[in-house]
Amino acid sequence: MQRQTAAGSSYAIVRPEETTLRRIEDGISDGLEVAVYAGRDQGAIHLEAAVATLAPDGSIGGHIHPFEESFFILEGRGFITIGDLSYELRPGDFGFAPLSYPHAWYNPFDAPLRWLRVRSPQPRPIGDGHGTYPSPDLAPPTTGAPIEIESVGQRFVGHFDDSQLPPPGPISMPGYHGYNIRNVSIRMMVDELLGAQHHTLFVVEFIPSTVAGLSAKEHFHPFEEIYYFVAGAAEGLVGGEPCSVKKGDLVFAGVNTSHGFTNDGEVPVRWIEAQAPKPPASNGTIFENDWMTLER
């Protein structure tokens, strides 16, 4: 459900039971269902975030679109072709299709393939079209190479596992380095190094803490963010609203929406985070407490 702050910025806290899987009937897909968690209905203007499911023997034919589309595999197996390279997908794989780059999917296995999907710029119709256009020369793949953590032969893809998370500490990432966010580990996935120009996608993990001030202090950005929780639970403030979030939930924070989270549980909390547009090189995160000290 969309909400607004007093300043007019938008945010949403979305539970999986509040979403609806919609079967995609576009003449390109067969067996594809999508539940949109963050888009126009939630007040987003730069991105769209959804959970997509491709049924056994389901396929998405070759297509292109005027936006970037990234993915993080949550469950199942399948194949994807991006351009002229095909890959076998498994949980922890990630990647993206650049704007106007042909790609196709196929699931020949017995279980559904499920992934987090992020698109930016936000999809919109062009003329009478729905924003996705067939690329009939590209057929759904029936085989592909496994995605490795590092491989010079890969393009636009990668694989994440726990060994890639650095030790927890103060945050250090594009747009902000500092101690207002601590006890955090971050692994960038989709960014300019992979070739993305319009958005980022990365893993964030906070270890438990019962000490005040050691989690993410309340802050806001000149860009939109989504947090899709994949493990653990956290307490937060989003747009001034207290919230409890857990695995399967998604938080959308629009431009200038204040938000912050604390992990006071017993296990780490982990989410997949996306940002759009990409953060500026500096001053991408503004902390309210830093500025409130100047009030008289």
C-alpha atoms as a PDB file:
ATOM      1  CA  MET A   1       0.000   0.000   0.000  1.00  0.00           C
ATOM      2  CA  GLN A   2       1.328   3.423  -0.949  1.00  0.00           C
ATOM      3  CA  ARG A   3       1.905   5.969   1.798  1.00  0.00           C
ATOM      4  CA  GLN A   4       3.216   9.514   1.815  1.00  0.00           C
ATOM      5  CA  THR A   5       5.294  11.512   4.256  1.00  0.00           C
ATOM      6  CA  ALA A   6       4.348  15.002   5.351  1.00  0.00           C
ATOM      7  CA  ALA A   7       6.783  16.294   2.717  1.00  0.00           C
ATOM      8  CA  GLY A   8       4.949  14.368   0.012  1.00  0.00           C
ATOM      9  CA  SER A   9       7.525  11.652  -0.680  1.00  0.00           C
ATOM     10  CA  SER A  10       6.235   8.108  -1.188  1.00  0.00           C
ATOM     11  CA  TYR A  11       7.004   4.811   0.487  1.00  0.00           C
ATOM     12  CA  ALA A  12       5.475   1.359   0.886  1.00  0.00           C
ATOM     13  CA  ILE A  13       5.853  -1.704   3.082  1.00  0.00           C
ATOM     14  CA  VAL A  14       4.696  -4.712   1.059  1.00  0.00           C
ATOM     15  CA  ARG A  15       4.015  -8.198   2.458  1.00  0.00           C
ATOM     16  CA  PRO A  16       3.926 -11.218   0.117  1.00  0.00           C
ATOM     17  CA  GLU A  17       0.362 -12.038   1.193  1.00  0.00           C
ATOM     18  CA  GLU A  18      -0.697  -8.593  -0.036  1.00  0.00           C
ATOM     19  CA  THR A  19       0.585  -9.171  -3.570  1.00  0.00           C
ATOM     20  CA  THR A  20      -1.076 -10.897  -6.506  1.00  0.00           C
ATOM     21  CA  LEU A  21       0.675 -13.123  -9.037  1.00  0.00           C
ATOM     22  CA  ARG A  22      -0.494 -12.088 -12.504  1.00  0.00           C
ATOM     23  CA  ARG A  23      -0.059 -14.410 -15.461  1.00  0.00           C
ATOM     24  CA  ILE A  24       1.680 -12.573 -18.287  1.00  0.00           C
ATOM     25  CA  GLU A  25      -0.168 -12.874 -21.606  1.00  0.00           C
ATOM     26  CA  ASP A  26       2.017 -10.892 -23.996  1.00  0.00           C
ATOM     27  CA  GLY A  27       2.511 -13.314 -26.873  1.00  0.00           C
ATOM     28  CA  ILE A  28       6.136 -13.758 -25.779  1.00  0.00           C
ATOM     29  CA  SER A  29       5.855 -15.587 -22.431  1.00  0.00           C
ATOM     30  CA  ASP A  30       4.424 -18.995 -21.558  1.00  0.00           C
ATOM     31  CA  GLY A  31       4.066 -19.972 -17.895  1.00  0.00           C
ATOM     32  CA  LEU A  32       5.325 -16.639 -16.518  1.00  0.00           C
ATOM     33  CA  GLU A  33       3.641 -15.090 -13.455  1.00  0.00           C
ATOM     34  CA  VAL A  34       4.708 -11.782 -11.906  1.00  0.00           C
ATOM     35  CA  ALA A  35       3.823 -10.070  -8.637  1.00  0.00           C
ATOM     36  CA  VAL A  36       4.790  -6.368  -8.666  1.00  0.00           C
ATOM     37  CA  TYR A  37       5.909  -5.178  -5.230  1.00  0.00           C
ATOM     38  CA  ALA A  38       7.045  -1.648  -6.105  1.00  0.00           C
ATOM     39  CA  GLY A  39       5.913   0.406  -9.082  1.00  0.00           C
ATOM     40  CA  ARG A  40       3.547   3.240  -9.932  1.00  0.00           C
ATOM     41  CA  ASP A  41       0.911   2.026  -7.476  1.00  0.00           C
ATOM     42  CA  GLN A  42       3.441   2.324  -4.649  1.00  0.00           C
ATOM     43  CA  GLY A  43       4.611   5.778  -5.733  1.00  0.00           C
ATOM     44  CA  ALA A  44       7.794   4.745  -7.554  1.00  0.00           C
ATOM     45  CA  ILE A  45       8.797   6.724 -10.628  1.00  0.00           C
ATOM     46  CA  HIS A  46      12.322   5.427 -11.359  1.00  0.00           C
ATOM     47  CA  LEU A  47      12.092   1.673 -10.857  1.00  0.00           C
ATOM     48  CA  GLU A  48       9.848  -1.373 -10.729  1.00  0.00           C
ATOM     49  CA  ALA A  49      10.526  -4.349  -8.445  1.00  0.00           C
ATOM     50  CA  ALA A  50       8.723  -7.668  -8.731  1.00  0.00           C
ATOM     51  CA  VAL A  51       8.986 -11.369  -7.933  1.00  0.00           C
ATOM     52  CA  ALA A  52       8.696 -13.473 -11.101  1.00  0.00           C
ATOM     53  CA  THR A  53       7.955 -17.198 -11.384  1.00  0.00           C
ATOM     54  CA  LEU A  54       8.475 -19.342 -14.475  1.00  0.00           C
ATOM     55  CA  ALA A  55       6.611 -22.663 -14.350  1.00  0.00           C
ATOM     56  CA  PRO A  56       8.187 -25.993 -15.360  1.00  0.00           C
ATOM     57  CA  ASP A  57       8.470 -26.076 -19.161  1.00  0.00           C
ATOM     58  CA  GLY A  58       7.731 -22.342 -19.173  1.00  0.00           C
ATOM     59  CA  SER A  59       9.577 -19.950 -21.438  1.00  0.00           C
ATOM     60  CA  ILE A  60      10.077 -16.277 -22.217  1.00  0.00           C
ATOM     61  CA  GLY A  61      10.858 -15.823 -25.882  1.00  0.00           C
ATOM     62  CA  GLY A  62      13.525 -13.488 -27.170  1.00  0.00           C
ATOM     63  CA  HIS A  63      12.639  -9.856 -26.490  1.00  0.00           C
ATOM     64  CA  ILE A  64      14.032  -6.378 -25.897  1.00  0.00           C
ATOM     65  CA  HIS A  65      12.774  -3.376 -23.950  1.00  0.00           C
ATOM     66  CA  PRO A  66      13.671   0.282 -23.337  1.00  0.00           C
ATOM     67  CA  PHE A  67      14.912  -0.266 -19.775  1.00  0.00           C
ATOM     68  CA  GLU A  68      17.503  -2.301 -17.880  1.00  0.00           C
ATOM     69  CA  GLU A  69      16.272  -5.500 -16.217  1.00  0.00           C
ATOM     70  CA  SER A  70      18.229  -7.180 -13.433  1.00  0.00           C
ATOM     71  CA  PHE A  71      17.575 -10.460 -11.644  1.00  0.00           C
ATOM     72  CA  PHE A  72      18.573 -12.395  -8.522  1.00  0.00           C
ATOM     73  CA  ILE A  73      17.617 -16.081  -8.516  1.00  0.00           C
ATOM     74  CA  LEU A  74      15.738 -17.058  -5.342  1.00  0.00           C
ATOM     75  CA  GLU A  75      14.636 -20.644  -6.072  1.00  0.00           C
ATOM     76  CA  GLY A  76      14.807 -23.274  -8.792  1.00  0.00           C
ATOM     77  CA  ARG A  77      16.867 -23.724 -11.928  1.00  0.00           C
ATOM     78  CA  GLY A  78      16.588 -22.641 -15.540  1.00  0.00           C
ATOM     79  CA  PHE A  79      18.413 -21.171 -18.518  1.00  0.00           C
ATOM     80  CA  ILE A  80      18.849 -17.627 -19.768  1.00  0.00           C
ATOM     81  CA  THR A  81      20.372 -16.202 -22.936  1.00  0.00           C
ATOM     82  CA  ILE A  82      21.607 -12.604 -22.892  1.00  0.00           C
ATOM     83  CA  GLY A  83      22.790 -11.520 -26.296  1.00  0.00           C
ATOM     84  CA  ASP A  84      24.845 -14.387 -27.710  1.00  0.00           C
ATOM     85  CA  LEU A  85      25.701 -16.139 -24.408  1.00  0.00           C
ATOM     86  CA  SER A  86      23.560 -18.717 -22.548  1.00  0.00           C
ATOM     87  CA  TYR A  87      23.782 -19.652 -18.873  1.00  0.00           C
ATOM     88  CA  GLU A  88      22.354 -22.243 -16.513  1.00  0.00           C
ATOM     89  CA  LEU A  89      20.708 -20.530 -13.537  1.00  0.00           C
ATOM     90  CA  ARG A  90      20.671 -21.569  -9.879  1.00  0.00           C
ATOM     91  CA  PRO A  91      19.943 -19.758  -6.572  1.00  0.00           C
ATOM     92  CA  GLY A  92      22.444 -16.967  -5.941  1.00  0.00           C
ATOM     93  CA  ASP A  93      22.948 -16.183  -9.621  1.00  0.00           C
ATOM     94  CA  PHE A  94      22.417 -12.582 -10.654  1.00  0.00           C
ATOM     95  CA  GLY A  95      22.716 -10.460 -13.738  1.00  0.00           C
ATOM     96  CA  PHE A  96      20.980  -7.986 -16.009  1.00  0.00           C
ATOM     97  CA  ALA A  97      19.956  -7.344 -19.564  1.00  0.00           C
ATOM     98  CA  PRO A  98      21.037  -3.892 -20.762  1.00  0.00           C
ATOM     99  CA  LEU A  99      18.559  -1.569 -22.402  1.00  0.00           C
ATOM    100  CA  SER A 100      17.573  -2.869 -25.879  1.00  0.00           C
ATOM    101  CA  TYR A 101      19.638  -6.064 -25.411  1.00  0.00           C
ATOM    102  CA  PRO A 102      17.894  -9.289 -26.537  1.00  0.00           C
ATOM    103  CA  HIS A 103      17.382 -12.003 -23.915  1.00  0.00           C
ATOM    104  CA  ALA A 104      15.257 -15.137 -23.384  1.00  0.00           C
ATOM    105  CA  TRP A 105      14.454 -17.631 -20.577  1.00  0.00           C
ATOM    106  CA  TYR A 106      13.512 -21.315 -20.339  1.00  0.00           C
ATOM    107  CA  ASN A 107      12.740 -23.653 -17.431  1.00  0.00           C
ATOM    108  CA  PRO A 108      12.984 -27.337 -18.464  1.00  0.00           C
ATOM    109  CA  PHE A 109      13.092 -28.565 -14.854  1.00  0.00           C
ATOM    110  CA  ASP A 110      10.401 -30.009 -12.575  1.00  0.00           C
ATOM    111  CA  ALA A 111      10.221 -27.073 -10.119  1.00  0.00           C
ATOM    112  CA  PRO A 112       9.349 -23.392 -10.713  1.00  0.00           C
ATOM    113  CA  LEU A 113      12.145 -20.883 -11.294  1.00  0.00           C
ATOM    114  CA  ARG A 114      11.672 -17.828  -9.060  1.00  0.00           C
ATOM    115  CA  TRP A 115      13.613 -14.579  -9.045  1.00  0.00           C
ATOM    116  CA  LEU A 116      13.615 -10.963  -7.866  1.00  0.00           C
ATOM    117  CA  ARG A 117      13.282  -8.701 -10.914  1.00  0.00           C
ATOM    118  CA  VAL A 118      14.202  -5.005 -10.976  1.00  0.00           C
ATOM    119  CA  ARG A 119      13.649  -2.716 -13.930  1.00  0.00           C
ATOM    120  CA  SER A 120      14.889   0.838 -14.454  1.00  0.00           C
ATOM    121  CA  PRO A 121      13.987   3.284 -15.916  1.00  0.00           C
ATOM    122  CA  GLN A 122      10.481   2.341 -14.853  1.00  0.00           C
ATOM    123  CA  PRO A 123       8.648   0.594 -17.723  1.00  0.00           C
ATOM    124  CA  ARG A 124       6.039   2.596 -19.578  1.00  0.00           C
ATOM    125  CA  PRO A 125       4.022   2.117 -22.758  1.00  0.00           C
ATOM    126  CA  ILE A 126       5.331   3.568 -26.015  1.00  0.00           C
ATOM    127  CA  GLY A 127       2.554   4.245 -28.498  1.00  0.00           C
ATOM    128  CA  ASP A 128       0.209   1.264 -28.481  1.00  0.00           C
ATOM    129  CA  GLY A 129       2.923  -1.101 -27.239  1.00  0.00           C
ATOM    130  CA  HIS A 130       3.324  -2.428 -23.704  1.00  0.00           C
ATOM    131  CA  GLY A 131       7.059  -1.707 -23.435  1.00  0.00           C
ATOM    132  CA  THR A 132       8.376  -5.185 -24.337  1.00  0.00           C
ATOM    133  CA  TYR A 133       9.075  -6.069 -27.959  1.00  0.00           C
ATOM    134  CA  PRO A 134       9.768  -9.493 -29.501  1.00  0.00           C
ATOM    135  CA  SER A 135      13.188 -10.453 -30.808  1.00  0.00           C
ATOM    136  CA  PRO A 136      12.112 -13.480 -32.866  1.00  0.00           C
ATOM    137  CA  ASP A 137      15.630 -14.438 -33.943  1.00  0.00           C
ATOM    138  CA  LEU A 138      16.450 -15.363 -30.308  1.00  0.00           C
ATOM    139  CA  ALA A 139      14.894 -18.645 -29.132  1.00  0.00           C
ATOM    140  CA  PRO A 140      14.594 -19.702 -25.462  1.00  0.00           C
ATOM    141  CA  PRO A 141      17.809 -21.572 -24.539  1.00  0.00           C
ATOM    142  CA  THR A 142      17.857 -25.302 -23.831  1.00  0.00           C
ATOM    143  CA  THR A 143      21.391 -25.372 -22.434  1.00  0.00           C
ATOM    144  CA  GLY A 144      23.925 -23.011 -20.920  1.00  0.00           C
ATOM    145  CA  ALA A 145      27.170 -22.700 -18.989  1.00  0.00           C
ATOM    146  CA  PRO A 146      27.104 -22.519 -15.168  1.00  0.00           C
ATOM    147  CA  ILE A 147      27.634 -19.008 -13.838  1.00  0.00           C
ATOM    148  CA  GLU A 148      30.916 -18.762 -11.924  1.00  0.00           C
ATOM    149  CA  ILE A 149      31.932 -16.324  -9.216  1.00  0.00           C
ATOM    150  CA  GLU A 150      34.689 -15.128 -11.546  1.00  0.00           C
ATOM    151  CA  SER A 151      35.061 -15.903 -15.250  1.00  0.00           C
ATOM    152  CA  VAL A 152      36.518 -13.838 -18.070  1.00  0.00           C
ATOM    153  CA  GLY A 153      34.063 -15.532 -20.459  1.00  0.00           C
ATOM    154  CA  GLN A 154      30.937 -14.241 -18.704  1.00  0.00           C
ATOM    155  CA  ARG A 155      29.101 -11.034 -19.537  1.00  0.00           C
ATOM    156  CA  PHE A 156      26.347  -9.249 -17.537  1.00  0.00           C
ATOM    157  CA  VAL A 157      26.089 -12.081 -14.944  1.00  0.00           C
ATOM    158  CA  GLY A 158      27.668 -13.310 -11.692  1.00  0.00           C
ATOM    159  CA  HIS A 159      27.121 -15.612  -8.744  1.00  0.00           C
ATOM    160  CA  PHE A 160      26.800 -14.711  -5.055  1.00  0.00           C
ATOM    161  CA  ASP A 161      27.542 -16.914  -2.059  1.00  0.00           C
ATOM    162  CA  ASP A 162      28.220 -16.167   1.592  1.00  0.00           C
ATOM    163  CA  SER A 163      31.991 -16.311   1.166  1.00  0.00           C
ATOM    164  CA  GLN A 164      31.848 -13.004  -0.718  1.00  0.00           C
ATOM    165  CA  LEU A 165      30.480 -10.969   2.190  1.00  0.00           C
ATOM    166  CA  PRO A 166      33.231  -8.913   3.858  1.00  0.00           C
ATOM    167  CA  PRO A 167      33.474  -8.724   7.672  1.00  0.00           C
ATOM    168  CA  PRO A 168      30.831  -6.390   9.150  1.00  0.00           C
ATOM    169  CA  GLY A 169      31.885  -2.816   9.742  1.00  0.00           C
ATOM    170  CA  PRO A 170      31.031   0.795   8.840  1.00  0.00           C
ATOM    171  CA  ILE A 171      29.416   1.268   5.454  1.00  0.00           C
ATOM    172  CA  SER A 172      31.585   1.943   2.411  1.00  0.00           C
ATOM    173  CA  MET A 173      29.858   2.182  -0.951  1.00  0.00           C
ATOM    174  CA  PRO A 174      29.208   4.686  -3.748  1.00  0.00           C
ATOM    175  CA  GLY A 175      27.619   7.836  -2.339  1.00  0.00           C
ATOM    176  CA  TYR A 176      28.650   7.434   1.314  1.00  0.00           C
ATOM    177  CA  HIS A 177      31.473   6.132   3.517  1.00  0.00           C
ATOM    178  CA  GLY A 178      30.978   6.548   7.255  1.00  0.00           C
ATOM    179  CA  TYR A 179      29.969   5.414  10.707  1.00  0.00           C
ATOM    180  CA  ASN A 180      26.273   6.323  10.732  1.00  0.00           C
ATOM    181  CA  ILE A 181      25.688   2.798   9.393  1.00  0.00           C
ATOM    182  CA  ARG A 182      27.669   0.074  11.176  1.00  0.00           C
ATOM    183  CA  ASN A 183      27.825  -3.696  11.609  1.00  0.00           C
ATOM    184  CA  VAL A 184      27.021  -4.048   7.913  1.00  0.00           C
ATOM    185  CA  SER A 185      28.400  -6.216   5.100  1.00  0.00           C
ATOM    186  CA  ILE A 186      27.729  -5.328   1.449  1.00  0.00           C
ATOM    187  CA  ARG A 187      28.385  -7.192  -1.781  1.00  0.00           C
ATOM    188  CA  MET A 188      27.723  -5.190  -4.943  1.00  0.00           C
ATOM    189  CA  MET A 189      26.261  -7.237  -7.814  1.00  0.00           C
ATOM    190  CA  VAL A 190      24.693  -5.201 -10.613  1.00  0.00           C
ATOM    191  CA  ASP A 191      26.486  -1.868 -10.989  1.00  0.00           C
ATOM    192  CA  GLU A 192      28.585   0.067 -13.484  1.00  0.00           C
ATOM    193  CA  LEU A 193      31.337  -2.579 -13.277  1.00  0.00           C
ATOM    194  CA  LEU A 194      28.880  -5.140 -14.648  1.00  0.00           C
ATOM    195  CA  GLY A 195      27.653  -2.595 -17.201  1.00  0.00           C
ATOM    196  CA  ALA A 196      24.477  -1.151 -15.630  1.00  0.00           C
ATOM    197  CA  GLN A 197      23.859   2.545 -16.213  1.00  0.00           C
ATOM    198  CA  HIS A 198      20.488   3.194 -14.579  1.00  0.00           C
ATOM    199  CA  HIS A 199      20.402   1.191 -11.331  1.00  0.00           C
ATOM    200  CA  THR A 200      22.315  -0.920  -8.815  1.00  0.00           C
ATOM    201  CA  LEU A 201      21.540  -4.263  -7.135  1.00  0.00           C
ATOM    202  CA  PHE A 202      23.435  -5.620  -4.136  1.00  0.00           C
ATOM    203  CA  VAL A 203      23.318  -7.787  -0.990  1.00  0.00           C
ATOM    204  CA  VAL A 204      23.204  -6.174   2.471  1.00  0.00           C
ATOM    205  CA  GLU A 205      23.581  -7.990   5.794  1.00  0.00           C
ATOM    206  CA  PHE A 206      23.419  -6.578   9.342  1.00  0.00           C
ATOM    207  CA  ILE A 207      24.628  -8.674  12.250  1.00  0.00           C
ATOM    208  CA  PRO A 208      22.563  -8.588  15.476  1.00  0.00           C
ATOM    209  CA  SER A 209      23.159  -5.716  17.884  1.00  0.00           C
ATOM    210  CA  THR A 210      21.543  -4.721  21.146  1.00  0.00           C
ATOM    211  CA  VAL A 211      23.677  -1.556  21.427  1.00  0.00           C
ATOM    212  CA  ALA A 212      21.908   1.654  20.419  1.00  0.00           C
ATOM    213  CA  GLY A 213      23.380   3.477  17.458  1.00  0.00           C
ATOM    214  CA  LEU A 214      25.126   0.548  15.776  1.00  0.00           C
ATOM    215  CA  SER A 215      22.610  -0.122  12.992  1.00  0.00           C
ATOM    216  CA  ALA A 216      21.426   2.059  10.115  1.00  0.00           C
ATOM    217  CA  LYS A 217      20.506   5.480  11.440  1.00  0.00           C
ATOM    218  CA  GLU A 218      17.542   7.268   9.887  1.00  0.00           C
ATOM    219  CA  HIS A 219      18.506   8.779   6.531  1.00  0.00           C
ATOM    220  CA  PHE A 220      17.205   9.698   3.071  1.00  0.00           C
ATOM    221  CA  HIS A 221      18.486   9.808  -0.514  1.00  0.00           C
ATOM    222  CA  PRO A 222      18.087  11.686  -3.825  1.00  0.00           C
ATOM    223  CA  PHE A 223      17.146   8.333  -5.415  1.00  0.00           C
ATOM    224  CA  GLU A 224      14.667   5.493  -4.883  1.00  0.00           C
ATOM    225  CA  GLU A 225      15.454   2.266  -3.032  1.00  0.00           C
ATOM    226  CA  ILE A 226      13.891  -1.126  -2.481  1.00  0.00           C
ATOM    227  CA  TYR A 227      14.815  -3.666   0.198  1.00  0.00           C
ATOM    228  CA  TYR A 228      13.690  -7.258  -0.419  1.00  0.00           C
ATOM    229  CA  PHE A 229      14.255  -9.274   2.765  1.00  0.00           C
ATOM    230  CA  VAL A 230      15.663 -12.784   2.217  1.00  0.00           C
ATOM    231  CA  ALA A 231      16.707 -13.769   5.764  1.00  0.00           C
ATOM    232  CA  GLY A 232      16.106 -12.683   9.354  1.00  0.00           C
ATOM    233  CA  ALA A 233      13.995  -9.807  10.616  1.00  0.00           C
ATOM    234  CA  ALA A 234      14.433  -6.147  11.552  1.00  0.00           C
ATOM    235  CA  GLU A 235      12.692  -3.226  13.182  1.00  0.00           C
ATOM    236  CA  GLY A 236      12.567  -0.019  11.215  1.00  0.00           C
ATOM    237  CA  LEU A 237      11.250   3.467  10.664  1.00  0.00           C
ATOM    238  CA  VAL A 238      10.063   4.270   7.141  1.00  0.00           C
ATOM    239  CA  GLY A 239       8.554   7.686   6.497  1.00  0.00           C
ATOM    240  CA  GLY A 240       8.281   8.085  10.271  1.00  0.00           C
ATOM    241  CA  GLU A 241       6.219   4.884  10.538  1.00  0.00           C
ATOM    242  CA  PRO A 242       7.500   2.082  12.813  1.00  0.00           C
ATOM    243  CA  CYS A 243       7.521  -1.277  11.050  1.00  0.00           C
ATOM    244  CA  SER A 244       8.608  -4.855  11.593  1.00  0.00           C
ATOM    245  CA  VAL A 245       9.940  -6.618   8.495  1.00  0.00           C
ATOM    246  CA  LYS A 246      10.985 -10.190   7.805  1.00  0.00           C
ATOM    247  CA  LYS A 247      11.874 -12.615   5.015  1.00  0.00           C
ATOM    248  CA  GLY A 248       9.588 -12.134   2.008  1.00  0.00           C
ATOM    249  CA  ASP A 249       8.722  -8.498   2.758  1.00  0.00           C
ATOM    250  CA  LEU A 250       9.738  -5.558   0.572  1.00  0.00           C
ATOM    251  CA  VAL A 251      10.234  -1.942   1.600  1.00  0.00           C
ATOM    252  CA  PHE A 252      10.130   0.824  -1.006  1.00  0.00           C
ATOM    253  CA  ALA A 253      11.549   4.223  -0.038  1.00  0.00           C
ATOM    254  CA  GLY A 254      11.056   7.035  -2.525  1.00  0.00           C
ATOM    255  CA  VAL A 255      13.255  10.086  -3.020  1.00  0.00           C
ATOM    256  CA  ASN A 256      13.663  11.995   0.282  1.00  0.00           C
ATOM    257  CA  THR A 257      11.789   9.356   2.306  1.00  0.00           C
ATOM    258  CA  SER A 258      13.495   8.915   5.663  1.00  0.00           C
ATOM    259  CA  HIS A 259      14.216   5.315   6.683  1.00  0.00           C
ATOM    260  CA  GLY A 260      16.453   3.237   8.953  1.00  0.00           C
ATOM    261  CA  PHE A 261      16.650  -0.291  10.373  1.00  0.00           C
ATOM    262  CA  THR A 262      17.897  -2.064  13.489  1.00  0.00           C
ATOM    263  CA  ASN A 263      18.624  -5.759  13.905  1.00  0.00           C
ATOM    264  CA  ASP A 264      17.912  -6.549  17.553  1.00  0.00           C
ATOM    265  CA  GLY A 265      17.303 -10.246  16.891  1.00  0.00           C
ATOM    266  CA  GLU A 266      19.591 -13.234  17.303  1.00  0.00           C
ATOM    267  CA  VAL A 267      20.520 -13.904  13.663  1.00  0.00           C
ATOM    268  CA  PRO A 268      21.753 -11.666  10.832  1.00  0.00           C
ATOM    269  CA  VAL A 269      19.178  -9.889   8.695  1.00  0.00           C
ATOM    270  CA  ARG A 270      19.822  -9.878   4.954  1.00  0.00           C
ATOM    271  CA  TRP A 271      18.142  -8.138   2.052  1.00  0.00           C
ATOM    272  CA  ILE A 272      18.621  -7.537  -1.653  1.00  0.00           C
ATOM    273  CA  GLU A 273      18.718  -3.809  -2.281  1.00  0.00           C
ATOM    274  CA  ALA A 274      18.234  -1.847  -5.485  1.00  0.00           C
ATOM    275  CA  GLN A 275      18.736   1.848  -6.147  1.00  0.00           C
ATOM    276  CA  ALA A 276      17.574   3.968  -9.087  1.00  0.00           C
ATOM    277  CA  PRO A 277      18.855   6.226 -10.479  1.00  0.00           C
ATOM    278  CA  LYS A 278      22.405   5.271  -9.534  1.00  0.00           C
ATOM    279  CA  PRO A 279      23.683   7.225  -6.491  1.00  0.00           C
ATOM    280  CA  PRO A 280      25.893  10.281  -7.023  1.00  0.00           C
ATOM    281  CA  ALA A 281      29.590   9.856  -6.297  1.00  0.00           C
ATOM    282  CA  SER A 282      29.211  11.760  -3.013  1.00  0.00           C
ATOM    283  CA  ASN A 283      26.460  13.131  -0.766  1.00  0.00           C
ATOM    284  CA  GLY A 284      24.124  10.312  -1.757  1.00  0.00           C
ATOM    285  CA  THR A 285      23.012   9.632   1.827  1.00  0.00           C
ATOM    286  CA  ILE A 286      21.782  12.364   4.185  1.00  0.00           C
ATOM    287  CA  PHE A 287      21.390  11.564   7.891  1.00  0.00           C
ATOM    288  CA  GLU A 288      18.727  13.458   9.782  1.00  0.00           C
ATOM    289  CA  ASN A 289      20.571  13.362  13.117  1.00  0.00           C
ATOM    290  CA  ASP A 290      23.593  15.161  11.589  1.00  0.00           C
ATOM    291  CA  TRP A 291      21.412  18.105  10.593  1.00  0.00           C
ATOM    292  CA  MET A 292      19.165  18.148  13.654  1.00  0.00           C
ATOM    293  CA  THR A 293      22.200  19.034  15.793  1.00  0.00           C
ATOM    294  CA  LEU A 294      22.216  22.431  13.989  1.00  0.00           C
ATOM    295  CA  GLU A 295      18.688  23.308  15.129  1.00  0.00           C
ATOM    296  CA  ARG A 296      18.348  25.941  17.807  1.00  0.00           C
END
